[in-house]
Amino acid sequence: MIITKKANAKINLSLDLTGVLPNGYHAIHTVMQSVSLHDTVTVSDETPGISLTCTAPDVPTDGRNTAVKAAELFFEACGLPPRAAIGITKRIPSQAGLAGGSADAAAVLLALNEINRFPLNTPDLLKIALKIGADVPFALKGGLRLCLNIGEIMADLPQFHCFVLIAKPEKGVSTAEAFRKYDSGAPLRHPDNDRLLYYFAAGQPRQALSSACNVFAQLTDLPETDRTNRAMLENGAFYASLSGSGSACFGLFENREQALRTKNALEGALPFLAVCETSPAGVQNAE
């Protein structure tokens, strides 16, 4: 059997660091939204073993890849002999704060569960997902969600629709360095999380976003992101921010025409620009 899934990227509409957990991980308070920018993940059980091919030459295809790890953990949990030939067509840029690798892993889990006639239920899949990475549980569920702790504690929020322009500069970021700055006690402006959740839960995203911010924008040195966010707002975005720890940023627009016009205005200044829209799911069946 061959199954093809769309593995959707995510953006962080707000992202706060709220402390350090006993296990040493940093606790987060974030609202994440799936978007239609996606990788295409094809999984087949026609040959024994686990193999991976990918259109991006810089992406590892061995056990370092989250998609391979997802397959290994799936078969370990099921007690089945491994049979997974995975192919990934990459569209989500790497090291961008868009969770492309996490989305690929979630797509592999769901595809293998379907191929093998659903031996695992959703709680089982979420347990595996957390072993792979902090963003994989969200990628399994997707939509608009509050995510806490390291991201595995999730709550649904009412969906809303808008168009999204994603822009990634050439320069990457050091997440480890950002955490070091946070741990050093660097002064930060935090989102108003109570007000944020009140308005998101009430289905009023614009009011919610007036209380949002991404603390990583204050912990990373990304002048290109600041300039890009200003350009998005000047061209009609009703919100613009960094996603995750970066380096991609995004703008939210009421209509596609505004997003495309802003994309055209930024052409040539940034190596990656994509117009997409909010999505109600993290992984979807390919058409």
C-alpha atoms as a PDB file:
ATOM      1  CA  MET A   1       0.000   0.000   0.000  1.00  0.00           C
ATOM      2  CA  ILE A   2       1.148   3.544  -0.734  1.00  0.00           C
ATOM      3  CA  ILE A   3      -0.187   6.549   1.188  1.00  0.00           C
ATOM      4  CA  THR A   4       0.640  10.215   0.581  1.00  0.00           C
ATOM      5  CA  LYS A   5       0.119  12.931   3.177  1.00  0.00           C
ATOM      6  CA  LYS A   6       0.523  16.692   3.296  1.00  0.00           C
ATOM      7  CA  ALA A   7       2.675  17.602   6.311  1.00  0.00           C
ATOM      8  CA  ASN A   8       1.739  21.177   7.191  1.00  0.00           C
ATOM      9  CA  ALA A   9       4.061  23.778   8.694  1.00  0.00           C
ATOM     10  CA  LYS A  10       3.129  25.682  11.843  1.00  0.00           C
ATOM     11  CA  ILE A  11       3.544  29.235  13.028  1.00  0.00           C
ATOM     12  CA  ASN A  12       3.615  30.511  16.601  1.00  0.00           C
ATOM     13  CA  LEU A  13       1.066  33.292  16.960  1.00  0.00           C
ATOM     14  CA  SER A  14       2.482  33.964  20.421  1.00  0.00           C
ATOM     15  CA  LEU A  15       5.368  32.343  22.261  1.00  0.00           C
ATOM     16  CA  ASP A  16       6.365  32.877  25.868  1.00  0.00           C
ATOM     17  CA  LEU A  17       9.030  31.251  28.029  1.00  0.00           C
ATOM     18  CA  THR A  18       7.639  30.765  31.526  1.00  0.00           C
ATOM     19  CA  GLY A  19      10.477  29.082  33.425  1.00  0.00           C
ATOM     20  CA  VAL A  20      12.651  25.999  33.606  1.00  0.00           C
ATOM     21  CA  LEU A  21      11.144  22.583  34.354  1.00  0.00           C
ATOM     22  CA  PRO A  22      12.702  20.085  36.811  1.00  0.00           C
ATOM     23  CA  ASN A  23      14.024  18.077  33.846  1.00  0.00           C
ATOM     24  CA  GLY A  24      15.979  21.100  32.624  1.00  0.00           C
ATOM     25  CA  TYR A  25      13.714  21.881  29.663  1.00  0.00           C
ATOM     26  CA  HIS A  26      12.274  25.357  29.274  1.00  0.00           C
ATOM     27  CA  ALA A  27       8.521  25.649  29.816  1.00  0.00           C
ATOM     28  CA  ILE A  28       6.599  27.398  27.070  1.00  0.00           C
ATOM     29  CA  HIS A  29       3.207  29.037  26.697  1.00  0.00           C
ATOM     30  CA  THR A  30       2.432  29.240  22.995  1.00  0.00           C
ATOM     31  CA  VAL A  31      -0.470  29.420  20.587  1.00  0.00           C
ATOM     32  CA  MET A  32       0.349  27.487  17.435  1.00  0.00           C
ATOM     33  CA  GLN A  33      -1.468  27.518  14.103  1.00  0.00           C
ATOM     34  CA  SER A  34      -1.134  25.073  11.206  1.00  0.00           C
ATOM     35  CA  VAL A  35      -0.689  26.581   7.756  1.00  0.00           C
ATOM     36  CA  SER A  36      -1.059  25.144   4.276  1.00  0.00           C
ATOM     37  CA  LEU A  37       2.646  25.390   3.371  1.00  0.00           C
ATOM     38  CA  HIS A  38       3.529  21.702   3.407  1.00  0.00           C
ATOM     39  CA  ASP A  39       5.952  18.917   2.638  1.00  0.00           C
ATOM     40  CA  THR A  40       4.576  15.935   0.726  1.00  0.00           C
ATOM     41  CA  VAL A  41       5.281  12.631   2.499  1.00  0.00           C
ATOM     42  CA  THR A  42       4.752   9.286   0.737  1.00  0.00           C
ATOM     43  CA  VAL A  43       4.973   6.026   2.673  1.00  0.00           C
ATOM     44  CA  SER A  44       4.944   2.515   1.218  1.00  0.00           C
ATOM     45  CA  ASP A  45       5.120  -0.913   2.871  1.00  0.00           C
ATOM     46  CA  GLU A  46       6.186  -2.717  -0.287  1.00  0.00           C
ATOM     47  CA  THR A  47       9.770  -3.415   0.837  1.00  0.00           C
ATOM     48  CA  PRO A  48      11.195  -4.611   4.195  1.00  0.00           C
ATOM     49  CA  GLY A  49      13.181  -2.268   6.413  1.00  0.00           C
ATOM     50  CA  ILE A  50      13.067   1.513   6.759  1.00  0.00           C
ATOM     51  CA  SER A  51      14.415   3.801   4.052  1.00  0.00           C
ATOM     52  CA  LEU A  52      14.115   7.504   3.293  1.00  0.00           C
ATOM     53  CA  THR A  53      14.619   9.661   0.234  1.00  0.00           C
ATOM     54  CA  CYS A  54      14.289  13.438   0.248  1.00  0.00           C
ATOM     55  CA  THR A  55      14.384  16.147  -2.398  1.00  0.00           C
ATOM     56  CA  ALA A  56      16.481  18.435  -0.162  1.00  0.00           C
ATOM     57  CA  PRO A  57      20.123  17.343  -0.435  1.00  0.00           C
ATOM     58  CA  ASP A  58      21.087  18.838   2.937  1.00  0.00           C
ATOM     59  CA  VAL A  59      18.480  16.803   4.860  1.00  0.00           C
ATOM     60  CA  PRO A  60      19.879  13.606   6.452  1.00  0.00           C
ATOM     61  CA  THR A  61      18.187  10.380   5.380  1.00  0.00           C
ATOM     62  CA  ASP A  62      19.390   8.144   8.227  1.00  0.00           C
ATOM     63  CA  GLY A  63      18.332   7.804  11.861  1.00  0.00           C
ATOM     64  CA  ARG A  64      19.012  11.505  12.481  1.00  0.00           C
ATOM     65  CA  ASN A  65      15.889  12.331  10.483  1.00  0.00           C
ATOM     66  CA  THR A  66      12.678  12.623  12.506  1.00  0.00           C
ATOM     67  CA  ALA A  67      10.740  10.712   9.823  1.00  0.00           C
ATOM     68  CA  VAL A  68      13.035   7.686  10.206  1.00  0.00           C
ATOM     69  CA  LYS A  69      12.833   7.953  13.996  1.00  0.00           C
ATOM     70  CA  ALA A  70       9.031   8.049  13.754  1.00  0.00           C
ATOM     71  CA  ALA A  71       8.996   4.842  11.710  1.00  0.00           C
ATOM     72  CA  GLU A  72      11.390   3.093  14.096  1.00  0.00           C
ATOM     73  CA  LEU A  73       9.318   4.007  17.146  1.00  0.00           C
ATOM     74  CA  PHE A  74       6.057   3.089  15.414  1.00  0.00           C
ATOM     75  CA  PHE A  75       7.178  -0.467  14.637  1.00  0.00           C
ATOM     76  CA  GLU A  76       8.743  -0.828  18.079  1.00  0.00           C
ATOM     77  CA  ALA A  77       5.421   0.128  19.700  1.00  0.00           C
ATOM     78  CA  CYS A  78       3.409  -2.194  17.461  1.00  0.00           C
ATOM     79  CA  GLY A  79       5.774  -5.156  17.588  1.00  0.00           C
ATOM     80  CA  LEU A  80       5.583  -5.409  13.794  1.00  0.00           C
ATOM     81  CA  PRO A  81       8.511  -6.027  11.434  1.00  0.00           C
ATOM     82  CA  PRO A  82       9.585  -2.703   9.908  1.00  0.00           C
ATOM     83  CA  ARG A  83       8.348  -2.021   6.390  1.00  0.00           C
ATOM     84  CA  ALA A  84       8.480   1.654   5.423  1.00  0.00           C
ATOM     85  CA  ALA A  85       9.863   3.286   2.307  1.00  0.00           C
ATOM     86  CA  ILE A  86       9.487   7.032   2.930  1.00  0.00           C
ATOM     87  CA  GLY A  87       9.770   9.776   0.342  1.00  0.00           C
ATOM     88  CA  ILE A  88       9.689  13.462   1.269  1.00  0.00           C
ATOM     89  CA  THR A  89       9.254  16.372  -1.111  1.00  0.00           C
ATOM     90  CA  LYS A  90      10.491  19.350   0.910  1.00  0.00           C
ATOM     91  CA  ARG A  91       8.822  22.743   0.661  1.00  0.00           C
ATOM     92  CA  ILE A  92       9.103  23.865   4.276  1.00  0.00           C
ATOM     93  CA  PRO A  93      12.530  25.446   4.837  1.00  0.00           C
ATOM     94  CA  SER A  94      14.715  23.896   7.514  1.00  0.00           C
ATOM     95  CA  GLN A  95      15.863  25.661  10.700  1.00  0.00           C
ATOM     96  CA  ALA A  96      13.102  28.213  10.305  1.00  0.00           C
ATOM     97  CA  GLY A  97      10.866  27.713  13.358  1.00  0.00           C
ATOM     98  CA  LEU A  98       8.174  26.167  11.124  1.00  0.00           C
ATOM     99  CA  ALA A  99       8.439  22.561  12.421  1.00  0.00           C
ATOM    100  CA  GLY A 100       8.928  20.968   9.013  1.00  0.00           C
ATOM    101  CA  GLY A 101      10.761  17.961  10.426  1.00  0.00           C
ATOM    102  CA  SER A 102       8.110  17.502  13.109  1.00  0.00           C
ATOM    103  CA  ALA A 103       5.359  17.649  10.491  1.00  0.00           C
ATOM    104  CA  ASP A 104       7.127  14.988   8.408  1.00  0.00           C
ATOM    105  CA  ALA A 105       7.394  12.718  11.453  1.00  0.00           C
ATOM    106  CA  ALA A 106       3.696  13.160  12.257  1.00  0.00           C
ATOM    107  CA  ALA A 107       2.763  12.352   8.663  1.00  0.00           C
ATOM    108  CA  VAL A 108       4.832   9.150   8.798  1.00  0.00           C
ATOM    109  CA  LEU A 109       3.135   8.054  12.045  1.00  0.00           C
ATOM    110  CA  LEU A 110      -0.351   8.599  10.633  1.00  0.00           C
ATOM    111  CA  ALA A 111       0.477   6.969   7.296  1.00  0.00           C
ATOM    112  CA  LEU A 112       2.001   3.876   8.926  1.00  0.00           C
ATOM    113  CA  ASN A 113      -0.935   3.561  11.301  1.00  0.00           C
ATOM    114  CA  GLU A 114      -3.299   3.634   8.316  1.00  0.00           C
ATOM    115  CA  ILE A 115      -1.223   1.175   6.266  1.00  0.00           C
ATOM    116  CA  ASN A 116      -1.141  -1.263   9.184  1.00  0.00           C
ATOM    117  CA  ARG A 117      -4.892  -0.992   9.877  1.00  0.00           C
ATOM    118  CA  PHE A 118      -4.742   1.313  12.887  1.00  0.00           C
ATOM    119  CA  PRO A 119      -2.973  -0.734  15.581  1.00  0.00           C
ATOM    120  CA  LEU A 120      -2.416   2.427  17.658  1.00  0.00           C
ATOM    121  CA  ASN A 121      -4.969   4.884  19.008  1.00  0.00           C
ATOM    122  CA  THR A 122      -4.447   8.640  19.266  1.00  0.00           C
ATOM    123  CA  PRO A 123      -3.004   8.597  22.831  1.00  0.00           C
ATOM    124  CA  ASP A 124      -0.516   5.922  21.715  1.00  0.00           C
ATOM    125  CA  LEU A 125       0.552   8.044  18.744  1.00  0.00           C
ATOM    126  CA  LEU A 126       0.910  11.143  20.919  1.00  0.00           C
ATOM    127  CA  LYS A 127       3.212   9.264  23.308  1.00  0.00           C
ATOM    128  CA  ILE A 128       5.426   8.259  20.397  1.00  0.00           C
ATOM    129  CA  ALA A 129       5.285  11.782  19.003  1.00  0.00           C
ATOM    130  CA  LEU A 130       6.644  13.286  22.213  1.00  0.00           C
ATOM    131  CA  LYS A 131       9.621  10.913  22.111  1.00  0.00           C
ATOM    132  CA  ILE A 132      10.483  12.279  18.658  1.00  0.00           C
ATOM    133  CA  GLY A 133      10.285  15.999  19.410  1.00  0.00           C
ATOM    134  CA  ALA A 134       8.373  18.675  21.268  1.00  0.00           C
ATOM    135  CA  ASP A 135       6.468  19.937  18.199  1.00  0.00           C
ATOM    136  CA  VAL A 136       5.416  16.500  16.908  1.00  0.00           C
ATOM    137  CA  PRO A 137       2.330  16.133  19.171  1.00  0.00           C
ATOM    138  CA  PHE A 138       1.014  19.443  17.833  1.00  0.00           C
ATOM    139  CA  ALA A 139       1.798  18.383  14.259  1.00  0.00           C
ATOM    140  CA  LEU A 140      -0.303  15.242  14.772  1.00  0.00           C
ATOM    141  CA  LYS A 141      -3.330  17.287  15.816  1.00  0.00           C
ATOM    142  CA  GLY A 142      -2.810  20.689  14.202  1.00  0.00           C
ATOM    143  CA  GLY A 143      -5.271  23.526  13.786  1.00  0.00           C
ATOM    144  CA  LEU A 144      -5.173  26.300  16.387  1.00  0.00           C
ATOM    145  CA  ARG A 145      -4.050  25.190  19.830  1.00  0.00           C
ATOM    146  CA  LEU A 146      -2.667  26.387  23.110  1.00  0.00           C
ATOM    147  CA  CYS A 147       0.472  24.367  23.901  1.00  0.00           C
ATOM    148  CA  LEU A 148       2.087  24.279  27.346  1.00  0.00           C
ATOM    149  CA  ASN A 149       4.956  22.688  29.258  1.00  0.00           C
ATOM    150  CA  ILE A 150       7.292  21.627  26.415  1.00  0.00           C
ATOM    151  CA  GLY A 151       4.393  21.669  23.970  1.00  0.00           C
ATOM    152  CA  GLU A 152       2.742  18.340  24.729  1.00  0.00           C
ATOM    153  CA  ILE A 153      -0.090  19.752  26.866  1.00  0.00           C
ATOM    154  CA  MET A 154      -2.610  21.047  24.336  1.00  0.00           C
ATOM    155  CA  ALA A 155      -6.041  22.648  24.270  1.00  0.00           C
ATOM    156  CA  ASP A 156      -8.205  23.373  21.220  1.00  0.00           C
ATOM    157  CA  LEU A 157      -9.007  26.964  20.320  1.00  0.00           C
ATOM    158  CA  PRO A 158     -11.696  28.162  17.872  1.00  0.00           C
ATOM    159  CA  GLN A 159     -10.433  28.168  14.302  1.00  0.00           C
ATOM    160  CA  PHE A 160     -10.134  31.306  12.232  1.00  0.00           C
ATOM    161  CA  HIS A 161      -9.099  31.794   8.628  1.00  0.00           C
ATOM    162  CA  CYS A 162      -6.646  34.215   7.113  1.00  0.00           C
ATOM    163  CA  PHE A 163      -3.834  34.317   4.564  1.00  0.00           C
ATOM    164  CA  VAL A 164      -0.223  34.031   5.638  1.00  0.00           C
ATOM    165  CA  LEU A 165       3.001  35.279   4.092  1.00  0.00           C
ATOM    166  CA  ILE A 166       6.037  33.380   5.369  1.00  0.00           C
ATOM    167  CA  ALA A 167       9.479  34.908   4.865  1.00  0.00           C
ATOM    168  CA  LYS A 168      12.837  33.400   5.808  1.00  0.00           C
ATOM    169  CA  PRO A 169      16.145  35.254   5.695  1.00  0.00           C
ATOM    170  CA  GLU A 170      19.391  33.578   4.722  1.00  0.00           C
ATOM    171  CA  LYS A 171      20.754  33.825   8.244  1.00  0.00           C
ATOM    172  CA  GLY A 172      19.783  31.182  10.775  1.00  0.00           C
ATOM    173  CA  VAL A 173      19.581  31.469  14.541  1.00  0.00           C
ATOM    174  CA  SER A 174      21.126  29.730  17.512  1.00  0.00           C
ATOM    175  CA  THR A 175      18.299  28.503  19.723  1.00  0.00           C
ATOM    176  CA  ALA A 176      20.854  27.434  22.335  1.00  0.00           C
ATOM    177  CA  GLU A 177      22.258  30.958  22.465  1.00  0.00           C
ATOM    178  CA  ALA A 178      18.745  32.388  22.824  1.00  0.00           C
ATOM    179  CA  PHE A 179      18.080  30.103  25.784  1.00  0.00           C
ATOM    180  CA  ARG A 180      21.390  31.143  27.340  1.00  0.00           C
ATOM    181  CA  LYS A 181      20.309  34.780  27.123  1.00  0.00           C
ATOM    182  CA  TYR A 182      16.985  33.884  28.738  1.00  0.00           C
ATOM    183  CA  ASP A 183      18.720  31.956  31.524  1.00  0.00           C
ATOM    184  CA  SER A 184      21.028  34.929  32.168  1.00  0.00           C
ATOM    185  CA  GLY A 185      17.991  36.972  33.180  1.00  0.00           C
ATOM    186  CA  ALA A 186      17.806  39.226  30.146  1.00  0.00           C
ATOM    187  CA  PRO A 187      14.882  41.693  30.575  1.00  0.00           C
ATOM    188  CA  LEU A 188      11.967  40.662  28.371  1.00  0.00           C
ATOM    189  CA  ARG A 189       8.540  41.889  27.374  1.00  0.00           C
ATOM    190  CA  HIS A 190       6.127  38.992  27.788  1.00  0.00           C
ATOM    191  CA  PRO A 191       2.732  38.487  26.152  1.00  0.00           C
ATOM    192  CA  ASP A 192      -0.381  39.019  28.250  1.00  0.00           C
ATOM    193  CA  ASN A 193      -1.260  35.335  28.249  1.00  0.00           C
ATOM    194  CA  ASP A 194      -4.524  35.643  30.185  1.00  0.00           C
ATOM    195  CA  ARG A 195      -5.936  38.306  27.860  1.00  0.00           C
ATOM    196  CA  LEU A 196      -4.579  36.429  24.849  1.00  0.00           C
ATOM    197  CA  LEU A 197      -6.416  33.228  25.741  1.00  0.00           C
ATOM    198  CA  TYR A 198      -9.607  35.030  26.709  1.00  0.00           C
ATOM    199  CA  TYR A 199      -9.987  36.536  23.252  1.00  0.00           C
ATOM    200  CA  PHE A 200      -8.791  33.472  21.337  1.00  0.00           C
ATOM    201  CA  ALA A 201     -11.312  31.331  23.257  1.00  0.00           C
ATOM    202  CA  ALA A 202     -13.995  33.932  22.476  1.00  0.00           C
ATOM    203  CA  GLY A 203     -13.252  33.640  18.753  1.00  0.00           C
ATOM    204  CA  GLN A 204     -11.785  37.147  18.520  1.00  0.00           C
ATOM    205  CA  PRO A 205      -8.273  36.553  17.152  1.00  0.00           C
ATOM    206  CA  ARG A 206      -7.468  40.181  16.341  1.00  0.00           C
ATOM    207  CA  GLN A 207      -8.098  41.242  19.916  1.00  0.00           C
ATOM    208  CA  ALA A 208      -6.079  38.241  21.098  1.00  0.00           C
ATOM    209  CA  LEU A 209      -3.123  39.138  18.898  1.00  0.00           C
ATOM    210  CA  SER A 210      -2.971  42.647  20.372  1.00  0.00           C
ATOM    211  CA  SER A 211      -1.672  40.919  23.525  1.00  0.00           C
ATOM    212  CA  ALA A 212       0.697  38.536  21.710  1.00  0.00           C
ATOM    213  CA  CYS A 213       4.426  38.522  21.150  1.00  0.00           C
ATOM    214  CA  ASN A 214       7.282  36.075  20.651  1.00  0.00           C
ATOM    215  CA  VAL A 215       9.943  36.434  23.337  1.00  0.00           C
ATOM    216  CA  PHE A 216      12.526  34.854  21.015  1.00  0.00           C
ATOM    217  CA  ALA A 217      12.379  37.996  18.898  1.00  0.00           C
ATOM    218  CA  GLN A 218      14.052  39.711  21.871  1.00  0.00           C
ATOM    219  CA  LEU A 219      16.586  36.927  22.392  1.00  0.00           C
ATOM    220  CA  THR A 220      17.928  36.640  18.840  1.00  0.00           C
ATOM    221  CA  ASP A 221      19.809  39.086  16.652  1.00  0.00           C
ATOM    222  CA  LEU A 222      17.690  39.157  13.496  1.00  0.00           C
ATOM    223  CA  PRO A 223      17.562  42.648  11.965  1.00  0.00           C
ATOM    224  CA  GLU A 224      16.209  41.151   8.704  1.00  0.00           C
ATOM    225  CA  THR A 225      13.203  39.848  10.596  1.00  0.00           C
ATOM    226  CA  ASP A 226      12.486  43.224  12.168  1.00  0.00           C
ATOM    227  CA  ARG A 227      12.634  44.913   8.759  1.00  0.00           C
ATOM    228  CA  THR A 228      10.457  42.238   7.164  1.00  0.00           C
ATOM    229  CA  ASN A 229       7.821  42.438   9.879  1.00  0.00           C
ATOM    230  CA  ARG A 230       7.643  46.219   9.478  1.00  0.00           C
ATOM    231  CA  ALA A 231       7.263  45.832   5.708  1.00  0.00           C
ATOM    232  CA  MET A 232       4.424  43.351   6.192  1.00  0.00           C
ATOM    233  CA  LEU A 233       2.563  45.667   8.547  1.00  0.00           C
ATOM    234  CA  GLU A 234       3.086  48.619   6.208  1.00  0.00           C
ATOM    235  CA  ASN A 235       1.611  46.569   3.343  1.00  0.00           C
ATOM    236  CA  GLY A 236      -1.575  45.556   5.145  1.00  0.00           C
ATOM    237  CA  ALA A 237      -0.782  42.693   7.530  1.00  0.00           C
ATOM    238  CA  PHE A 238      -2.847  42.881  10.706  1.00  0.00           C
ATOM    239  CA  TYR A 239      -0.139  40.979  12.628  1.00  0.00           C
ATOM    240  CA  ALA A 240       3.484  40.024  11.995  1.00  0.00           C
ATOM    241  CA  SER A 241       5.931  38.109  14.131  1.00  0.00           C
ATOM    242  CA  LEU A 242       8.771  35.624  14.367  1.00  0.00           C
ATOM    243  CA  SER A 243       7.814  31.914  14.302  1.00  0.00           C
ATOM    244  CA  GLY A 244       9.313  29.649  16.932  1.00  0.00           C
ATOM    245  CA  SER A 245      12.920  30.597  17.607  1.00  0.00           C
ATOM    246  CA  GLY A 246      13.225  31.699  13.970  1.00  0.00           C
ATOM    247  CA  SER A 247      14.572  32.533  11.593  1.00  0.00           C
ATOM    248  CA  ALA A 248      11.298  32.654   9.584  1.00  0.00           C
ATOM    249  CA  CYS A 249       8.731  35.347  10.230  1.00  0.00           C
ATOM    250  CA  PHE A 250       5.157  35.692   9.019  1.00  0.00           C
ATOM    251  CA  GLY A 251       2.415  38.201   8.383  1.00  0.00           C
ATOM    252  CA  LEU A 252      -1.335  37.624   8.627  1.00  0.00           C
ATOM    253  CA  PHE A 253      -3.602  39.163   5.977  1.00  0.00           C
ATOM    254  CA  GLU A 254      -7.334  39.405   5.447  1.00  0.00           C
ATOM    255  CA  ASN A 255      -7.105  38.450   1.768  1.00  0.00           C
ATOM    256  CA  ARG A 256      -4.739  36.715  -0.638  1.00  0.00           C
ATOM    257  CA  GLU A 257      -4.261  39.829  -2.775  1.00  0.00           C
ATOM    258  CA  GLN A 258      -2.683  41.740   0.135  1.00  0.00           C
ATOM    259  CA  ALA A 259      -0.373  38.821   0.902  1.00  0.00           C
ATOM    260  CA  LEU A 260       0.691  38.482  -2.742  1.00  0.00           C
ATOM    261  CA  ARG A 261       1.271  42.215  -3.069  1.00  0.00           C
ATOM    262  CA  THR A 262       3.518  42.141  -0.009  1.00  0.00           C
ATOM    263  CA  LYS A 263       5.349  39.098  -1.343  1.00  0.00           C
ATOM    264  CA  ASN A 264       6.023  40.952  -4.579  1.00  0.00           C
ATOM    265  CA  ALA A 265       7.317  43.950  -2.625  1.00  0.00           C
ATOM    266  CA  LEU A 266       9.788  41.717  -0.761  1.00  0.00           C
ATOM    267  CA  GLU A 267      10.975  39.697  -3.776  1.00  0.00           C
ATOM    268  CA  GLY A 268      14.722  39.771  -4.104  1.00  0.00           C
ATOM    269  CA  ALA A 269      15.295  40.831  -0.498  1.00  0.00           C
ATOM    270  CA  LEU A 270      14.764  37.382   1.009  1.00  0.00           C
ATOM    271  CA  PRO A 271      15.601  33.878  -0.276  1.00  0.00           C
ATOM    272  CA  PHE A 272      12.283  32.287   0.763  1.00  0.00           C
ATOM    273  CA  LEU A 273       8.796  33.767   0.459  1.00  0.00           C
ATOM    274  CA  ALA A 274       5.537  31.804   0.386  1.00  0.00           C
ATOM    275  CA  VAL A 275       1.875  32.758   0.541  1.00  0.00           C
ATOM    276  CA  CYS A 276      -0.352  30.184   2.220  1.00  0.00           C
ATOM    277  CA  GLU A 277      -3.359  30.139   4.560  1.00  0.00           C
ATOM    278  CA  THR A 278      -4.342  28.828   7.954  1.00  0.00           C
ATOM    279  CA  SER A 279      -5.227  25.138   8.086  1.00  0.00           C
ATOM    280  CA  PRO A 280      -7.462  23.174  10.478  1.00  0.00           C
ATOM    281  CA  ALA A 281      -5.088  20.179  10.555  1.00  0.00           C
ATOM    282  CA  GLY A 282      -1.420  19.388  10.945  1.00  0.00           C
ATOM    283  CA  VAL A 283      -1.471  16.452   8.524  1.00  0.00           C
ATOM    284  CA  GLN A 284      -3.923  16.044   5.667  1.00  0.00           C
ATOM    285  CA  ASN A 285      -4.514  13.493   2.950  1.00  0.00           C
ATOM    286  CA  ALA A 286      -2.915  14.489  -0.344  1.00  0.00           C
ATOM    287  CA  GLU A 287      -5.410  15.094  -3.117  1.00  0.00           C
END
